């Protein structure tokens, strides 16, 4: 029962973040750049819950982006899966009281995401304006995502803490 509840809540978090990104943040765009809330979700679940959950959440976030915004089905799913999985390696050094590691990991994830998107969607099509893309898209999106991370990460962390408490309480009833 707890597993179904966690899946349902994770799906709601993904959907809410996607809706925030595609509605409210579209109106709050700075220099026509919006924060990448799905990277925040994917990275957060990766280092909070581990490689497997990071991979699964990343797949769900990426597939949602592919279906709604992408030209290729699976392109964003693969990127987000790899980012979620890579963040899962940091579960052993993650402490929920310290916000420096999550911000650093989310920033690194956003930077890697921006670089991969540039290479795959622009450079391979002979668009070699990397300095322009870096200065006008990657870095502003990175900064905006970090600013949104400060608030959104706290919400995700609190939801995860509550779910873990309930899971521990539920597990202790059966022992």
Protein backbone atom coordinates (compact mmCIF):
# COMPACT_ATOMS: atom_id res chain seq x y z
CA UNK A 1 0.00 0.00 0.00
CA UNK A 2 2.85 2.38 0.86
CA UNK A 3 4.52 1.68 -2.48
CA UNK A 4 1.35 2.60 -4.38
CA UNK A 5 1.04 5.77 -2.30
CA UNK A 6 4.66 6.71 -3.08
CA UNK A 7 4.15 6.11 -6.81
CA UNK A 8 0.97 8.19 -6.79
CA UNK A 9 2.63 11.08 -4.91
CA UNK A 10 5.69 10.98 -7.19
CA UNK A 11 3.40 11.13 -10.22
CA UNK A 12 1.61 14.13 -8.73
CA UNK A 13 4.94 15.87 -8.03
CA UNK A 14 6.08 15.27 -11.62
CA UNK A 15 2.79 16.51 -13.03
CA UNK A 16 2.67 19.61 -10.81
CA UNK A 17 6.27 20.53 -11.68
CA UNK A 18 5.61 20.02 -15.37
CA UNK A 19 2.50 22.19 -15.17
CA UNK A 20 4.42 24.87 -13.27
CA UNK A 21 7.10 24.82 -15.95
CA UNK A 22 4.68 24.98 -18.86
CA UNK A 23 2.21 27.51 -17.43
CA UNK A 24 3.28 29.79 -14.60
CA UNK A 25 6.98 29.90 -15.41
CA UNK A 26 6.18 30.61 -19.07
CA UNK A 27 4.66 33.87 -17.83
CA UNK A 28 7.60 34.46 -15.47
CA UNK A 29 10.26 33.86 -18.11
CA UNK A 30 13.41 35.92 -17.65
CA UNK A 31 15.20 36.72 -20.90
CA UNK A 32 12.87 34.13 -22.49
CA UNK A 33 14.34 31.42 -20.23
CA UNK A 34 12.34 29.26 -17.81
CA UNK A 35 13.62 27.03 -15.00
CA UNK A 36 13.82 23.30 -15.60
CA UNK A 37 11.65 21.97 -12.78
CA UNK A 38 11.79 18.39 -14.08
CA UNK A 39 15.59 18.40 -13.62
CA UNK A 40 15.01 19.47 -10.02
CA UNK A 41 12.59 16.57 -9.47
CA UNK A 42 14.79 14.01 -11.24
CA UNK A 43 17.98 15.02 -9.45
CA UNK A 44 16.28 15.31 -6.06
CA UNK A 45 14.79 11.84 -6.19
CA UNK A 46 18.08 10.47 -7.50
CA UNK A 47 20.19 11.58 -4.54
CA UNK A 48 17.39 11.20 -1.96
CA UNK A 49 16.21 7.73 -2.98
CA UNK A 50 19.03 6.19 -5.01
CA UNK A 51 19.96 5.15 -8.53
CA UNK A 52 16.93 3.01 -9.33
CA UNK A 53 14.33 5.58 -8.26
CA UNK A 54 16.33 8.38 -9.91
CA UNK A 55 16.33 6.39 -13.14
CA UNK A 56 12.58 5.71 -12.97
CA UNK A 57 11.63 9.28 -12.05
CA UNK A 58 13.99 10.52 -14.77
CA UNK A 59 12.33 8.26 -17.31
CA UNK A 60 8.87 9.52 -16.34
CA UNK A 61 9.95 13.18 -16.45
CA UNK A 62 11.77 12.74 -19.75
CA UNK A 63 8.94 10.82 -21.36
CA UNK A 64 6.48 13.51 -20.31
CA UNK A 65 8.73 16.15 -21.86
CA UNK A 66 9.11 14.01 -25.01
CA UNK A 67 5.37 13.56 -25.41
CA UNK A 68 4.46 17.17 -24.74
CA UNK A 69 7.41 19.14 -26.11
CA UNK A 70 9.87 16.99 -27.99
CA UNK A 71 10.29 16.04 -31.60
CA UNK A 72 11.81 12.64 -30.82
CA UNK A 73 10.19 10.20 -28.42
CA UNK A 74 12.85 8.92 -26.03
CA UNK A 75 15.43 11.68 -26.44
CA UNK A 76 14.62 13.55 -23.24
CA UNK A 77 13.68 10.30 -21.48
CA UNK A 78 17.22 9.02 -22.01
CA UNK A 79 18.83 12.26 -20.83
CA UNK A 80 16.68 12.48 -17.71
CA UNK A 81 17.18 8.77 -16.94
CA UNK A 82 20.95 9.15 -17.05
CA UNK A 83 20.81 12.29 -14.90
CA UNK A 84 18.59 10.58 -12.31
CA UNK A 85 20.82 7.51 -12.27
CA UNK A 86 24.00 9.57 -11.93
CA UNK A 87 22.53 11.55 -9.04
CA UNK A 88 21.71 8.24 -7.34
CA UNK A 89 25.43 7.68 -6.76
CA UNK A 90 25.33 10.54 -4.24
CA UNK A 91 22.71 8.93 -1.99
CA UNK A 92 25.39 7.72 0.42
CA UNK A 93 26.74 11.26 0.98
CA UNK A 94 23.34 12.97 1.02
CA UNK A 95 22.22 14.58 4.27
CA UNK A 96 18.87 16.32 4.14
CA UNK A 97 19.99 19.11 6.50
CA UNK A 98 22.68 20.28 4.06
CA UNK A 99 21.42 22.19 1.02
CA UNK A 100 24.84 22.71 -0.60
CA UNK A 101 25.08 19.22 -2.13
CA UNK A 102 21.56 19.28 -3.64
CA UNK A 103 22.11 22.70 -5.17
CA UNK A 104 25.49 21.65 -6.56
CA UNK A 105 24.09 18.40 -7.99
CA UNK A 106 21.06 20.09 -9.52
CA UNK A 107 23.28 22.80 -11.02
CA UNK A 108 25.63 20.17 -12.46
CA UNK A 109 22.64 18.22 -13.81
CA UNK A 110 21.23 21.35 -15.45
CA UNK A 111 24.60 22.17 -17.00
CA UNK A 112 25.03 18.64 -18.36
CA UNK A 113 21.45 18.71 -19.66
CA UNK A 114 22.08 21.99 -21.47
CA UNK A 115 25.32 20.75 -23.00
CA UNK A 116 23.82 17.46 -24.18
CA UNK A 117 20.83 19.23 -25.70
CA UNK A 118 23.17 21.66 -27.49
CA UNK A 119 25.37 18.88 -28.87
CA UNK A 120 22.50 16.64 -29.97
CA UNK A 121 19.99 19.19 -31.22
CA UNK A 122 22.16 22.03 -32.50
CA UNK A 123 25.79 21.10 -33.05
CA UNK A 124 24.98 17.92 -34.95
CA UNK A 125 22.86 20.08 -37.27
CA UNK A 126 25.91 22.27 -37.96
CA UNK A 127 24.83 25.07 -35.64
CA UNK A 128 28.17 26.01 -34.05
CA UNK A 129 27.09 29.05 -32.01
CA UNK A 130 28.14 27.47 -28.71
CA UNK A 131 29.22 30.70 -26.99
CA UNK A 132 25.88 32.30 -27.83
CA UNK A 133 23.94 29.22 -26.68
CA UNK A 134 25.99 29.02 -23.47
CA UNK A 135 25.56 32.69 -22.62
CA UNK A 136 21.94 33.13 -23.66
CA UNK A 137 20.33 29.80 -22.86
CA UNK A 138 22.42 27.39 -20.74
CA UNK A 139 23.72 29.80 -18.08
CA UNK A 140 20.52 31.86 -17.61
CA UNK A 141 18.47 28.66 -17.36
CA UNK A 142 21.01 27.28 -14.88
CA UNK A 143 20.77 30.37 -12.66
CA UNK A 144 16.96 30.47 -12.83
CA UNK A 145 16.76 26.75 -12.06
CA UNK A 146 19.02 27.18 -9.01
CA UNK A 147 16.83 30.00 -7.72
CA UNK A 148 13.70 27.87 -8.09
CA UNK A 149 15.54 24.90 -6.56
CA UNK A 150 15.86 26.72 -3.24
CA UNK A 151 12.07 26.67 -2.82
CA UNK A 152 11.02 23.58 -4.79
CA UNK A 153 13.68 21.30 -3.30
CA UNK A 154 12.45 22.07 0.24
CA UNK A 155 8.93 21.00 -0.74
CA UNK A 156 10.15 17.77 -2.35
CA UNK A 157 12.37 17.06 0.66
CA UNK A 158 9.49 17.53 3.12
CA UNK A 159 7.21 15.26 1.09
CA UNK A 160 9.96 12.61 0.95
CA UNK A 161 10.52 12.85 4.72
CA UNK A 162 6.82 12.31 5.41
CA UNK A 163 6.66 9.35 3.06
CA UNK A 164 9.74 7.78 4.66
CA UNK A 165 8.26 8.24 8.16
CA UNK A 166 5.04 6.56 7.07
CA UNK A 167 6.97 3.73 5.41
CA UNK A 168 9.04 3.17 8.58
CA UNK A 169 5.94 3.27 10.77
CA UNK A 170 4.18 0.84 8.45
CA UNK A 171 7.18 -1.50 8.36
CA UNK A 172 7.48 -1.51 12.17
CA UNK A 173 3.86 -2.68 12.47
CA UNK A 174 4.68 -5.87 10.60
CA UNK A 175 7.82 -6.71 12.58
